[in-house]
Amino acid sequence: MSDRPISITLPDDGRIVRGLVGDGDGPTIVWLGGFRSDMTGAKAEAVAAWGQEHGRKVVRFDYSGHGGSDGAFEDGRIGRWFGEAKAVIAAEAGPEFVLVGSSMGGWMALLLAREQPAGLKGVVLVAPAPDFTEKLFYPALPPEMRACLDAGETVEVPGEYGSPAYRLTADFFRDGARHNLLDAPLRLGVPVIIIQGMADTSVPHAHARRIVDRLVDDDVVLTLVKDGDHRLSRPSDIALILDAIGRVTEE
């Protein structure tokens, strides 16, 4: 059975966010992808296939400026993409759902879960990158790029893993700072499983440990993959992700 396409129109400017839904029973699995990734990546496809195999509904989508959705990437903001994720969940998640967030999608998942929405059953985070704009990305930029951003300018950043360069505005970083999570305790009220590579050069595993420390009241399991990089897309990594989804879904 093939996934059915969805299109959700955002009210602020009419942009359309597009996604795919594999129908099945709940709790619905909501896949939240990473920065500059799309819903047809290896992990997203594996989660969708798992949903078909287990009769679970899986929802995945592209943020604006990503994949098949409207908009220019340069116009993207953490708050904008967070709003899109909320709109997709409201339209498609149903009465019970689990959030599965990869990298920046982990930030989205934590922002969503912090609001303690009705029906949320659990959260799976894969190399989660909350607060990455201020705590990881900006400090790693060359001094001349940071100076341009501090002056309100736009910079061009080289792509990773063979992808093309892209442009980021100063407001992208200002908006990211407004959505920081890790400077105060977090209380989600649901179980959380984190899978983190120890060879991750984009999001150090110390960042995952900081998330655990901030989740002061919740049931949290942190799995460290000694040789895992940021992508965590090898068959063994994906097996860990799918096992975590199964555990959270059945709780």
Protein backbone atom coordinates (compact mmCIF):
# COMPACT_ATOMS: atom_id res chain seq x y z
CA MET A 1 0.00 0.00 0.00
CA SER A 2 1.51 3.32 -1.05
CA ASP A 3 1.56 6.46 1.05
CA ARG A 4 -1.03 9.10 0.31
CA PRO A 5 0.16 12.67 -0.30
CA ILE A 6 -1.00 15.52 1.91
CA SER A 7 -0.90 19.29 1.39
CA ILE A 8 -1.40 21.70 4.26
CA THR A 9 -1.80 25.42 3.66
CA LEU A 10 -0.31 27.70 6.32
CA PRO A 11 -2.53 30.66 7.17
CA ASP A 12 0.14 33.34 7.52
CA ASP A 13 1.19 33.48 3.86
CA GLY A 14 -0.58 30.60 2.13
CA ARG A 15 2.55 28.50 1.65
CA ILE A 16 1.92 24.79 1.22
CA VAL A 17 3.67 22.12 3.26
CA ARG A 18 3.58 18.72 1.61
CA GLY A 19 3.91 15.31 3.17
CA LEU A 20 3.17 11.61 2.96
CA VAL A 21 0.95 9.50 5.18
CA GLY A 22 1.02 5.74 5.50
CA ASP A 23 -2.35 4.86 6.96
CA GLY A 24 -2.73 2.39 9.80
CA ASP A 25 -3.71 2.21 13.43
CA GLY A 26 -2.48 4.50 16.18
CA PRO A 27 -0.57 5.72 17.94
CA THR A 28 0.51 7.66 14.85
CA ILE A 29 4.26 7.95 14.27
CA VAL A 30 5.15 11.55 13.33
CA TRP A 31 8.56 11.82 11.68
CA LEU A 32 10.31 15.18 12.14
CA GLY A 33 13.28 15.49 9.81
CA GLY A 34 16.51 17.36 10.17
CA PHE A 35 17.98 20.61 8.91
CA ARG A 36 18.17 20.53 5.10
CA SER A 37 16.90 16.94 4.95
CA ASP A 38 13.66 15.74 3.42
CA MET A 39 10.99 13.11 3.96
CA THR A 40 12.53 10.66 1.48
CA GLY A 41 15.79 10.18 3.38
CA ALA A 42 16.94 6.72 4.47
CA LYS A 43 15.71 7.00 8.07
CA ALA A 44 12.34 8.47 7.11
CA GLU A 45 11.79 5.75 4.51
CA ALA A 46 12.75 3.07 7.03
CA VAL A 47 10.26 4.42 9.56
CA ALA A 48 7.54 4.49 6.89
CA ALA A 49 8.33 0.89 5.93
CA TRP A 50 8.23 -0.12 9.60
CA GLY A 51 4.81 1.48 9.89
CA GLN A 52 3.49 -0.49 6.93
CA GLU A 53 4.90 -3.73 8.35
CA HIS A 54 3.34 -3.14 11.78
CA GLY A 55 0.07 -1.56 10.66
CA ARG A 56 0.94 1.81 12.19
CA LYS A 57 0.06 5.19 10.75
CA VAL A 58 3.19 7.19 9.84
CA VAL A 59 3.17 10.89 8.99
CA ARG A 60 6.18 12.62 7.44
CA PHE A 61 6.53 15.98 5.73
CA ASP A 62 8.96 18.54 4.38
CA TYR A 63 9.44 21.87 6.12
CA SER A 64 9.08 24.92 3.89
CA GLY A 65 12.19 25.40 1.78
CA HIS A 66 12.85 21.66 1.98
CA GLY A 67 11.99 18.87 -0.46
CA GLY A 68 8.57 19.23 -2.05
CA SER A 69 7.20 22.02 0.15
CA ASP A 70 6.82 25.66 -0.82
CA GLY A 71 9.17 28.48 0.04
CA ALA A 72 12.82 29.40 -0.17
CA PHE A 73 15.20 27.77 2.29
CA GLU A 74 16.67 31.18 3.11
CA ASP A 75 13.27 32.27 4.48
CA GLY A 76 13.20 29.38 6.95
CA ARG A 77 13.26 29.90 10.71
CA ILE A 78 13.01 27.55 13.67
CA GLY A 79 9.74 29.18 14.71
CA ARG A 80 8.35 28.96 11.18
CA TRP A 81 9.16 25.25 10.88
CA PHE A 82 7.79 24.64 14.39
CA GLY A 83 4.50 26.18 13.31
CA GLU A 84 4.43 23.91 10.27
CA ALA A 85 5.01 20.83 12.40
CA LYS A 86 2.12 21.85 14.66
CA ALA A 87 -0.15 22.29 11.64
CA VAL A 88 0.73 18.83 10.29
CA ILE A 89 0.11 17.22 13.68
CA ALA A 90 -3.22 18.98 14.08
CA ALA A 91 -4.32 17.77 10.65
CA GLU A 92 -2.99 14.21 10.63
CA ALA A 93 -1.73 12.87 13.97
CA GLY A 94 -5.08 11.78 15.35
CA PRO A 95 -5.96 11.12 19.01
CA GLU A 96 -2.65 9.44 19.98
CA PHE A 97 0.81 9.93 18.54
CA VAL A 98 4.55 9.51 19.05
CA LEU A 99 7.12 12.10 17.95
CA VAL A 100 10.31 10.89 16.28
CA GLY A 101 12.77 13.72 15.68
CA SER A 102 16.13 13.54 13.91
CA SER A 103 18.75 16.25 14.49
CA MET A 104 16.86 19.55 14.13
CA GLY A 105 13.72 17.42 14.19
CA GLY A 106 14.70 16.55 17.76
CA TRP A 107 14.46 20.26 18.58
CA MET A 108 11.04 20.34 16.96
CA ALA A 109 9.95 17.26 18.92
CA LEU A 110 11.04 18.81 22.22
CA LEU A 111 9.31 22.12 21.43
CA LEU A 112 6.13 20.23 20.60
CA ALA A 113 6.33 17.92 23.63
CA ARG A 114 7.03 20.82 26.00
CA GLU A 115 3.48 22.01 25.31
CA GLN A 116 2.26 18.61 26.58
CA PRO A 117 -0.31 18.15 23.81
CA ALA A 118 -3.19 15.77 24.46
CA GLY A 119 -2.53 12.35 22.95
CA LEU A 120 1.27 12.46 23.02
CA LYS A 121 2.51 9.01 24.07
CA GLY A 122 6.28 9.38 23.86
CA VAL A 123 9.29 10.87 22.11
CA VAL A 124 12.22 9.31 20.24
CA LEU A 125 15.18 11.60 19.55
CA VAL A 126 17.91 10.71 17.03
CA ALA A 127 21.09 12.80 17.36
CA PRO A 128 18.88 15.60 18.71
CA ALA A 129 20.02 19.18 18.14
CA PRO A 130 17.94 21.56 20.27
CA ASP A 131 19.43 25.06 20.49
CA PHE A 132 21.88 24.18 17.72
CA THR A 133 21.77 27.61 16.08
CA GLU A 134 23.24 29.36 19.12
CA LYS A 135 25.07 26.61 21.01
CA LEU A 136 26.58 24.55 18.15
CA PHE A 137 26.29 26.19 14.74
CA TYR A 138 27.16 29.85 15.37
CA PRO A 139 30.27 29.14 17.52
CA ALA A 140 31.64 26.81 14.81
CA LEU A 141 31.45 29.43 12.04
CA PRO A 142 34.63 31.24 10.99
CA PRO A 143 35.11 34.63 12.69
CA GLU A 144 34.47 36.53 9.46
CA MET A 145 31.08 34.83 9.05
CA ARG A 146 30.13 35.57 12.65
CA ALA A 147 31.08 39.22 12.09
CA CYS A 148 28.80 39.38 9.03
CA LEU A 149 25.91 37.88 10.97
CA ASP A 150 26.51 40.22 13.91
CA ALA A 151 26.23 43.09 11.41
CA GLY A 152 22.85 41.77 10.24
CA GLU A 153 24.12 40.36 6.96
CA THR A 154 23.49 37.05 5.19
CA VAL A 155 26.24 34.44 4.83
CA GLU A 156 26.83 31.51 2.50
CA VAL A 157 27.65 28.28 4.31
CA PRO A 158 29.36 25.28 2.64
CA GLY A 159 27.21 22.17 2.45
CA GLU A 160 27.99 18.91 4.24
CA TYR A 161 28.16 15.36 2.89
CA GLY A 162 28.51 16.64 -0.69
CA SER A 163 25.45 18.93 -0.61
CA PRO A 164 25.57 22.43 -2.16
CA ALA A 165 26.24 25.62 -0.24
CA TYR A 166 23.29 27.51 1.23
CA ARG A 167 22.52 30.96 2.63
CA LEU A 168 21.55 31.88 6.18
CA THR A 169 20.37 35.22 7.49
CA ALA A 170 21.17 36.94 10.74
CA ASP A 171 17.49 36.63 11.66
CA PHE A 172 17.72 32.85 11.34
CA PHE A 173 20.06 32.85 14.33
CA ARG A 174 18.08 35.47 16.25
CA ASP A 175 14.90 33.44 15.78
CA GLY A 176 16.67 30.25 16.85
CA ALA A 177 17.75 31.86 20.12
CA ARG A 178 14.12 32.72 20.88
CA HIS A 179 13.32 28.99 20.85
CA ASN A 180 16.17 27.73 23.01
CA LEU A 181 15.22 24.95 25.41
CA LEU A 182 18.31 23.90 27.31
CA ASP A 183 18.73 26.86 29.64
CA ALA A 184 15.94 25.66 31.96
CA PRO A 185 14.41 22.37 33.15
CA LEU A 186 12.14 20.52 30.72
CA ARG A 187 9.07 18.57 31.76
CA LEU A 188 7.36 16.59 29.04
CA GLY A 189 5.29 14.07 30.97
CA VAL A 190 6.03 11.19 28.57
CA PRO A 191 8.86 8.65 28.13
CA VAL A 192 11.84 9.75 26.04
CA ILE A 193 14.41 7.60 24.21
CA ILE A 194 17.55 9.28 22.83
CA ILE A 195 19.91 7.62 20.34
CA GLN A 196 23.20 9.44 19.91
CA GLY A 197 26.43 8.67 18.06
CA MET A 198 29.66 9.19 19.97
CA ALA A 199 31.52 9.91 16.71
CA ASP A 200 29.06 12.67 15.82
CA THR A 201 31.05 15.79 14.85
CA SER A 202 27.94 17.94 14.25
CA VAL A 203 26.17 17.32 17.57
CA PRO A 204 28.59 16.11 20.26
CA HIS A 205 27.28 13.42 22.56
CA ALA A 206 27.71 15.82 25.47
CA HIS A 207 24.76 17.71 23.96
CA ALA A 208 22.56 14.62 24.38
CA ARG A 209 23.69 14.29 27.98
CA ARG A 210 22.67 17.89 28.57
CA ILE A 211 19.18 17.08 27.28
CA VAL A 212 18.99 14.19 29.75
CA ASP A 213 19.98 16.55 32.57
CA ARG A 214 17.26 19.03 31.57
CA LEU A 215 14.53 16.34 31.51
CA VAL A 216 14.30 16.46 35.26
CA ASP A 217 11.13 14.47 35.88
CA ASP A 218 10.72 12.25 32.81
CA ASP A 219 11.61 8.63 32.12
CA VAL A 220 14.63 8.96 29.81
CA VAL A 221 16.80 6.30 28.16
CA LEU A 222 20.00 7.41 26.41
CA THR A 223 21.65 4.96 24.01
CA LEU A 224 25.17 5.89 22.88
CA VAL A 225 26.47 4.36 19.66
CA LYS A 226 30.25 4.31 20.03
CA ASP A 227 31.10 4.57 16.30
CA GLY A 228 27.90 6.33 15.21
CA ASP A 229 28.16 9.58 13.26
CA HIS A 230 25.53 12.28 12.96
CA ARG A 231 23.58 10.59 10.20
CA LEU A 232 22.95 7.33 12.13
CA SER A 233 21.68 5.79 8.90
CA ARG A 234 23.53 2.45 8.82
CA PRO A 235 21.32 -0.65 9.07
CA SER A 236 22.41 -1.18 12.68
CA ASP A 237 21.58 2.44 13.56
CA ILE A 238 18.19 2.25 11.90
CA ALA A 239 17.46 -0.98 13.77
CA LEU A 240 18.03 0.89 17.05
CA ILE A 241 15.68 3.67 15.95
CA LEU A 242 12.92 1.27 14.92
CA ASP A 243 13.28 -0.69 18.16
CA ALA A 244 12.92 2.56 20.13
CA ILE A 245 9.79 3.50 18.18
CA GLY A 246 8.31 0.10 18.89
CA ARG A 247 9.03 0.39 22.61
CA VAL A 248 7.53 3.87 22.95
CA THR A 249 4.53 3.01 20.79
CA GLU A 250 3.65 -0.03 22.88
CA GLU A 251 3.97 1.67 26.28
